[in-house]
Protein backbone atom coordinates (compact mmCIF):
# COMPACT_ATOMS: atom_id res chain seq x y z
CA MET A 1 15.35 20.62 -17.06
CA SER A 2 18.13 17.73 -16.77
CA GLU A 3 16.78 14.08 -17.77
CA ALA A 4 15.83 11.99 -14.66
CA ALA A 5 16.91 8.41 -14.34
CA ALA A 6 13.22 7.34 -13.74
CA ILE A 7 9.70 8.79 -13.84
CA GLY A 8 6.81 7.42 -11.51
CA ILE A 9 3.46 7.96 -11.43
CA ASP A 10 0.97 6.56 -8.49
CA ILE A 11 -2.82 6.67 -9.55
CA GLY A 12 -4.85 6.60 -6.26
CA GLY A 13 -8.30 6.62 -5.75
CA THR A 14 -8.32 10.49 -5.21
CA GLN A 15 -5.05 12.07 -6.44
CA ILE A 16 -2.42 11.07 -9.05
CA LYS A 17 1.06 11.69 -7.65
CA ALA A 18 4.43 12.09 -9.86
CA VAL A 19 7.96 12.23 -9.34
CA ALA A 20 11.24 12.40 -11.31
CA VAL A 21 14.24 11.02 -9.28
CA ASP A 22 17.69 10.39 -10.35
CA GLY A 23 19.64 7.12 -9.68
CA GLU A 24 20.20 7.73 -5.91
CA GLY A 25 16.52 8.19 -5.36
CA THR A 26 16.68 12.05 -4.81
CA VAL A 27 13.49 13.82 -6.31
CA LEU A 28 14.31 16.02 -8.82
CA GLY A 29 10.72 16.68 -9.51
CA ARG A 30 6.95 16.25 -8.20
CA CYS A 31 3.80 17.46 -9.20
CA HIS A 32 0.12 15.69 -8.58
CA THR A 33 -3.40 16.32 -9.44
CA ASP A 34 -6.78 14.82 -8.90
CA THR A 35 -8.06 11.31 -10.00
CA CYS A 36 -10.73 11.10 -12.30
CA GLY A 37 -13.15 7.88 -13.08
CA GLN A 38 -12.97 8.65 -17.02
CA ALA A 39 -10.07 6.89 -18.72
CA GLU A 40 -10.01 9.65 -21.32
CA ILE A 41 -9.57 12.52 -19.15
CA LEU A 42 -7.46 10.30 -16.66
CA LEU A 43 -4.85 9.79 -19.31
CA GLU A 44 -4.67 13.49 -20.47
CA ARG A 45 -4.05 14.70 -16.68
CA VAL A 46 -1.15 11.69 -16.59
CA ASN A 47 0.10 13.33 -19.85
CA SER A 48 0.03 16.72 -18.36
CA LEU A 49 2.02 15.23 -15.29
CA LEU A 50 4.89 14.16 -17.47
CA GLU A 51 5.06 17.57 -19.16
CA GLN A 52 5.68 19.18 -15.78
CA LEU A 53 8.61 16.83 -14.74
CA PRO A 54 12.24 16.35 -16.45
CA SER A 55 12.15 14.16 -19.41
CA SER A 56 13.06 10.41 -18.84
CA GLU A 57 13.23 7.29 -21.07
CA ALA A 58 12.23 4.99 -18.02
CA LEU A 59 8.70 5.51 -16.65
CA GLY A 60 6.93 3.27 -13.89
CA ILE A 61 3.06 3.61 -12.90
CA SER A 62 1.63 2.05 -10.02
CA THR A 63 -2.18 1.76 -9.50
CA THR A 64 -4.54 -0.38 -6.99
CA GLY A 65 -6.13 -3.49 -8.59
CA LEU A 66 -4.36 -6.86 -9.90
CA VAL A 67 -1.45 -6.42 -12.22
CA LEU A 68 -0.45 -9.69 -14.07
CA PRO A 69 2.85 -10.01 -13.98
CA GLY A 70 4.86 -8.57 -17.06
CA SER A 71 1.74 -6.72 -17.97
CA ASN A 72 0.81 -3.39 -18.83
CA LYS A 73 -3.10 -3.69 -17.79
CA VAL A 74 -4.95 -3.85 -14.79
CA ALA A 75 -6.50 -7.31 -14.66
CA TRP A 76 -8.91 -6.93 -11.82
CA ILE A 77 -10.08 -3.56 -10.28
CA LYS A 78 -13.41 -3.30 -7.95
CA GLY A 79 -14.73 -0.58 -6.32
CA ARG A 80 -11.68 2.18 -6.98
CA VAL A 81 -11.19 3.55 -10.32
CA GLU A 82 -12.64 1.28 -12.34
CA CYS A 83 -11.77 2.82 -15.79
CA LEU A 84 -8.14 1.25 -15.08
CA HIS A 85 -9.26 -2.08 -15.89
CA GLY A 86 -7.44 -3.44 -19.38
CA LEU A 87 -6.22 0.13 -20.00
CA ASP A 88 -3.24 -0.56 -22.16
CA TRP A 89 -0.63 2.15 -20.76
CA SER A 90 2.19 1.52 -23.42
CA LYS A 91 -0.66 1.82 -26.19
CA GLN A 92 -2.17 4.80 -24.95
CA LEU A 93 1.30 6.66 -23.46
CA ASP A 94 3.12 5.35 -26.80
CA ARG A 95 5.94 4.60 -25.17
CA SER A 96 7.26 1.70 -22.78
CA VAL A 97 5.61 1.91 -19.38
CA TYR A 98 6.27 -0.63 -16.16
CA LEU A 99 2.87 -1.22 -14.43
CA LEU A 100 3.04 -2.41 -10.88
CA ASN A 101 0.35 -2.55 -7.98
CA ASP A 102 0.58 0.42 -5.76
CA ALA A 103 1.40 -1.53 -2.40
CA LEU A 104 4.15 -3.37 -4.30
CA ALA A 105 5.42 -0.13 -5.89
CA ALA A 106 5.37 1.15 -2.26
CA MET A 107 7.46 -1.66 -0.76
CA ALA A 108 9.89 -1.23 -4.15
CA GLY A 109 10.50 2.31 -2.71
CA GLU A 110 10.55 1.31 1.06
CA ALA A 111 13.29 -1.18 0.07
CA TRP A 112 15.12 1.32 -2.05
CA ILE A 113 15.39 4.15 0.39
CA GLY A 114 12.87 4.13 3.05
CA ALA A 115 12.21 1.90 5.95
CA ALA A 116 12.98 -1.60 4.47
CA ARG A 117 16.18 -0.59 2.95
CA GLY A 118 19.15 -2.91 3.78
CA VAL A 119 16.65 -5.64 5.06
CA ARG A 120 16.28 -8.99 2.96
CA GLU A 121 12.75 -10.02 4.53
CA ALA A 122 9.99 -7.65 5.36
CA ILE A 123 6.48 -6.77 5.11
CA LEU A 124 4.83 -3.64 4.41
CA MET A 125 0.69 -3.16 5.56
CA THR A 126 -0.69 -0.13 4.48
CA LEU A 127 -3.68 0.94 6.37
CA GLY A 128 -6.17 3.33 4.88
CA THR A 129 -9.65 2.92 2.99
CA GLY A 130 -8.86 -0.57 3.00
CA VAL A 131 -5.67 -2.56 3.50
CA GLY A 132 -2.79 -2.98 0.92
CA GLY A 133 0.41 -4.78 1.28
CA ALA A 134 3.44 -6.06 0.29
CA ILE A 135 6.04 -8.94 0.80
CA LEU A 136 9.80 -8.61 0.39
CA VAL A 137 11.82 -11.95 -0.05
CA HIS A 138 15.54 -11.94 -0.54
CA VAL A 139 15.28 -8.26 -1.44
CA ARG A 140 13.09 -8.54 -4.11
CA VAL A 141 9.14 -7.77 -4.17
CA LEU A 142 7.04 -10.68 -4.20
CA ARG A 143 4.58 -10.94 -6.86
CA GLY A 144 3.17 -14.23 -7.33
CA TYR A 145 2.12 -16.59 -10.10
CA LEU A 146 -0.94 -14.05 -10.92
CA GLY A 147 0.33 -10.84 -8.94
CA ARG A 148 -2.02 -11.76 -5.64
CA ALA A 149 1.03 -11.99 -3.43
CA GLY A 150 1.13 -9.44 -0.81
CA HIS A 151 -2.88 -8.49 -0.72
CA VAL A 152 -2.56 -8.89 3.12
CA GLY A 153 -6.03 -7.12 3.53
CA TYR A 154 -7.63 -10.23 1.84
CA MET A 155 -6.48 -12.53 4.37
CA THR A 156 -8.76 -13.88 7.19
CA VAL A 157 -8.85 -12.96 10.74
CA ASP A 158 -12.61 -14.01 11.52
CA ALA A 159 -13.36 -17.11 9.48
CA LEU A 160 -17.19 -16.86 10.46
CA GLY A 161 -17.46 -13.27 9.06
CA SER A 162 -19.05 -11.92 6.02
CA LEU A 163 -17.21 -12.22 2.64
CA ASP A 164 -15.21 -9.07 1.42
CA ILE A 165 -14.83 -7.91 -2.09
CA ALA A 166 -12.35 -10.87 -2.57
CA ARG A 167 -14.42 -13.35 -1.39
CA THR A 168 -12.53 -13.53 2.12
CA PRO A 169 -14.26 -14.31 5.03
CA GLY A 170 -13.96 -11.62 7.91
CA SER A 171 -10.92 -9.99 6.11
CA LEU A 172 -8.31 -7.78 7.99
CA GLU A 173 -9.60 -5.33 5.40
CA ASP A 174 -12.91 -5.29 6.72
CA ALA A 175 -11.79 -5.59 10.32
CA ILE A 176 -9.59 -2.25 10.31
CA GLY A 177 -10.27 -0.45 7.01
CA ASN A 178 -11.89 3.00 6.95
CA HIS A 179 -14.38 2.04 4.79
CA THR A 180 -16.27 -0.08 7.13
CA VAL A 181 -16.09 2.16 10.25
CA ARG A 182 -19.62 3.42 9.88
CA ALA A 183 -21.02 -0.14 9.55
CA ARG A 184 -18.64 -1.55 12.69
CA SER A 185 -19.86 1.56 14.78
CA PHE A 186 -23.49 1.17 13.89
CA GLY A 187 -23.37 4.91 12.21
CA ARG A 188 -21.75 6.22 15.45
CA PHE A 189 -18.40 7.15 13.60
CA GLU A 190 -18.06 8.12 10.20
CA SER A 191 -14.19 7.72 9.75
CA THR A 192 -11.31 5.95 11.66
CA TRP A 193 -9.93 9.49 12.66
CA HIS A 194 -13.14 10.05 14.23
CA LEU A 195 -13.05 6.61 16.24
CA VAL A 196 -9.53 7.48 16.95
CA ASP A 197 -9.91 10.57 18.64
CA ALA A 198 -13.00 9.32 20.58
CA HIS A 199 -10.71 6.39 21.81
CA ARG A 200 -8.14 8.88 22.81
CA ARG A 201 -10.72 11.01 24.96
CA GLY A 202 -11.74 7.57 26.92
CA ASP A 203 -14.95 6.73 25.03
CA PRO A 204 -15.71 3.01 26.04
CA GLU A 205 -17.34 1.79 22.85
CA ALA A 206 -14.69 3.55 20.85
CA MET A 207 -12.13 2.29 22.92
CA ARG A 208 -13.71 -1.50 22.44
CA LEU A 209 -13.94 -1.07 18.61
CA TRP A 210 -10.57 0.64 18.04
CA LEU A 211 -8.54 -1.94 20.26
CA GLY A 212 -10.31 -4.81 18.74
CA SER A 213 -9.11 -3.74 15.12
CA ILE A 214 -5.76 -3.47 16.40
CA TRP A 215 -6.38 -6.98 18.15
CA TYR A 216 -7.14 -8.05 14.63
CA LEU A 217 -4.12 -6.46 12.97
CA ALA A 218 -2.02 -7.91 15.49
CA ALA A 219 -3.33 -11.54 14.78
CA ALA A 220 -2.56 -10.97 11.40
CA ILE A 221 0.51 -9.81 11.86
CA SER A 222 1.62 -12.69 14.14
CA SER A 223 0.35 -15.06 11.16
CA LEU A 224 2.29 -13.52 8.74
CA VAL A 225 5.49 -13.79 10.91
CA ASN A 226 5.08 -17.57 11.24
CA ILE A 227 4.75 -17.80 7.33
CA ILE A 228 7.37 -15.43 6.46
CA ASP A 229 9.49 -14.99 9.14
CA PRO A 230 10.30 -11.00 8.32
CA GLN A 231 12.55 -9.10 9.98
CA ARG A 232 10.63 -6.07 9.79
CA VAL A 233 6.98 -5.11 9.34
CA LEU A 234 6.01 -1.31 8.14
CA ILE A 235 3.35 0.07 8.78
CA GLY A 236 1.97 2.82 6.54
CA GLY A 237 -1.16 4.58 4.88
CA GLY A 238 -3.26 7.19 6.60
CA ILE A 239 -4.29 5.19 9.72
CA CYS A 240 -0.59 4.99 10.79
CA GLU A 241 -0.94 8.90 11.53
CA ALA A 242 -2.58 7.27 14.53
CA GLY A 243 0.86 7.13 16.31
CA GLY A 244 0.84 5.92 19.76
CA ALA A 245 -2.77 5.22 19.43
CA LEU A 246 -1.70 2.47 16.92
CA PHE A 247 1.72 1.34 17.86
CA GLU A 248 1.41 1.04 21.28
CA PRO A 249 -1.67 -1.50 22.26
CA LEU A 250 -0.34 -3.05 18.72
CA ALA A 251 2.89 -4.03 20.60
CA ALA A 252 1.32 -5.08 23.72
CA TYR A 253 -0.78 -7.45 21.70
CA LEU A 254 2.15 -8.96 19.62
CA GLU A 255 3.73 -9.52 22.96
CA GLN A 256 0.87 -11.82 23.45
CA LEU A 257 0.27 -13.40 19.99
CA GLU A 258 3.53 -13.60 18.43
CA TRP A 259 6.08 -16.83 18.52
CA ARG A 260 9.34 -15.92 19.52
CA PRO A 261 11.07 -19.33 20.17
CA THR A 262 14.46 -17.28 20.43
CA GLY A 263 13.13 -14.31 22.34
CA GLN A 264 13.66 -12.17 19.37
CA SER A 265 10.46 -10.24 18.24
CA VAL A 266 9.85 -8.56 14.59
CA GLU A 267 10.30 -5.17 14.46
CA VAL A 268 7.54 -3.03 13.72
CA VAL A 269 8.08 0.39 12.47
CA PRO A 270 6.26 3.31 10.56
CA ALA A 271 6.82 3.33 6.87
CA GLN A 272 9.13 6.22 5.82
CA LEU A 273 8.11 7.41 2.34
CA GLY A 274 4.11 8.78 2.73
CA ARG A 275 1.87 9.65 -0.12
CA GLU A 276 5.00 9.18 -2.53
CA ALA A 277 6.21 5.68 -1.82
CA GLY A 278 4.04 4.30 -4.61
CA ALA A 279 5.25 6.77 -7.24
CA ILE A 280 8.84 6.33 -6.08
CA GLY A 281 8.91 2.66 -5.95
CA ALA A 282 7.23 2.78 -9.47
CA ALA A 283 10.03 4.77 -10.79
CA ARG A 284 12.57 2.45 -9.35
CA ASN A 285 10.81 -0.47 -10.96
CA ALA A 286 11.49 1.50 -14.33
CA MET A 287 14.91 2.08 -13.25
CA LEU A 288 15.54 -1.59 -12.95
CA GLY A 289 13.18 -2.83 -16.10
CA GLY A 290 10.49 -4.13 -14.31
CA GLY A 291 12.82 -6.01 -12.01
CA VAL A 292 12.43 -5.04 -8.30
């Protein structure tokens, strides 16, 4: 196989996805495997994926958790793939590795060849088990001082609410994330998909819960718009697949909440790269020597 410009690997809670890409973002090879909660087995699976792809000197990895700028280690991770904490990827793989938080990597991919291409300022919100996010400023992914930038799921939408895993009261992640659906519905709905399906069928309680979640999302977007003033907001993650059940009420609520002093509204669009966004962005980060 011919050499690729870069390889990107995204380590998620359930799957590890890997891609080899050329300099234009064309995927030359892809493969995946299940995630494992044991570091030794996880490393074996990463090495197996690397053997299945075209070779490249540039390797980027994206993963959940807090990655300090310029670091090859996850400095903080809670509740998901905790075996990644403190793992030195360059040492374990015996090669240079560029590590990036998965949501920041997804934004890097979307800014390169996806829904944020050609945009200077944008926000990505990934809605799934929790809520991830990333911010693009001057065509660069914002990382912040400690790597905390972009964690939009940990912003407060209910100041009197319970503390989330990052000690944020009433966070957006807890208001709309799949992990709280059962608790929010007092055991009636097992997942967001059950909730959305019941909403579409006109179930009054499901409609109240789902539209209440979208109201919180609209409030969060409106607040972020006031702080960052992006041209575009990208919505990704599994919940994005709800389609009109998500985007139509969201647009209606933003009509009420968004500050539009010139009459111009922020563009809210679906992310384009799907489940490979993190891997593609990780490859782009490696291609640029960690400079996305």
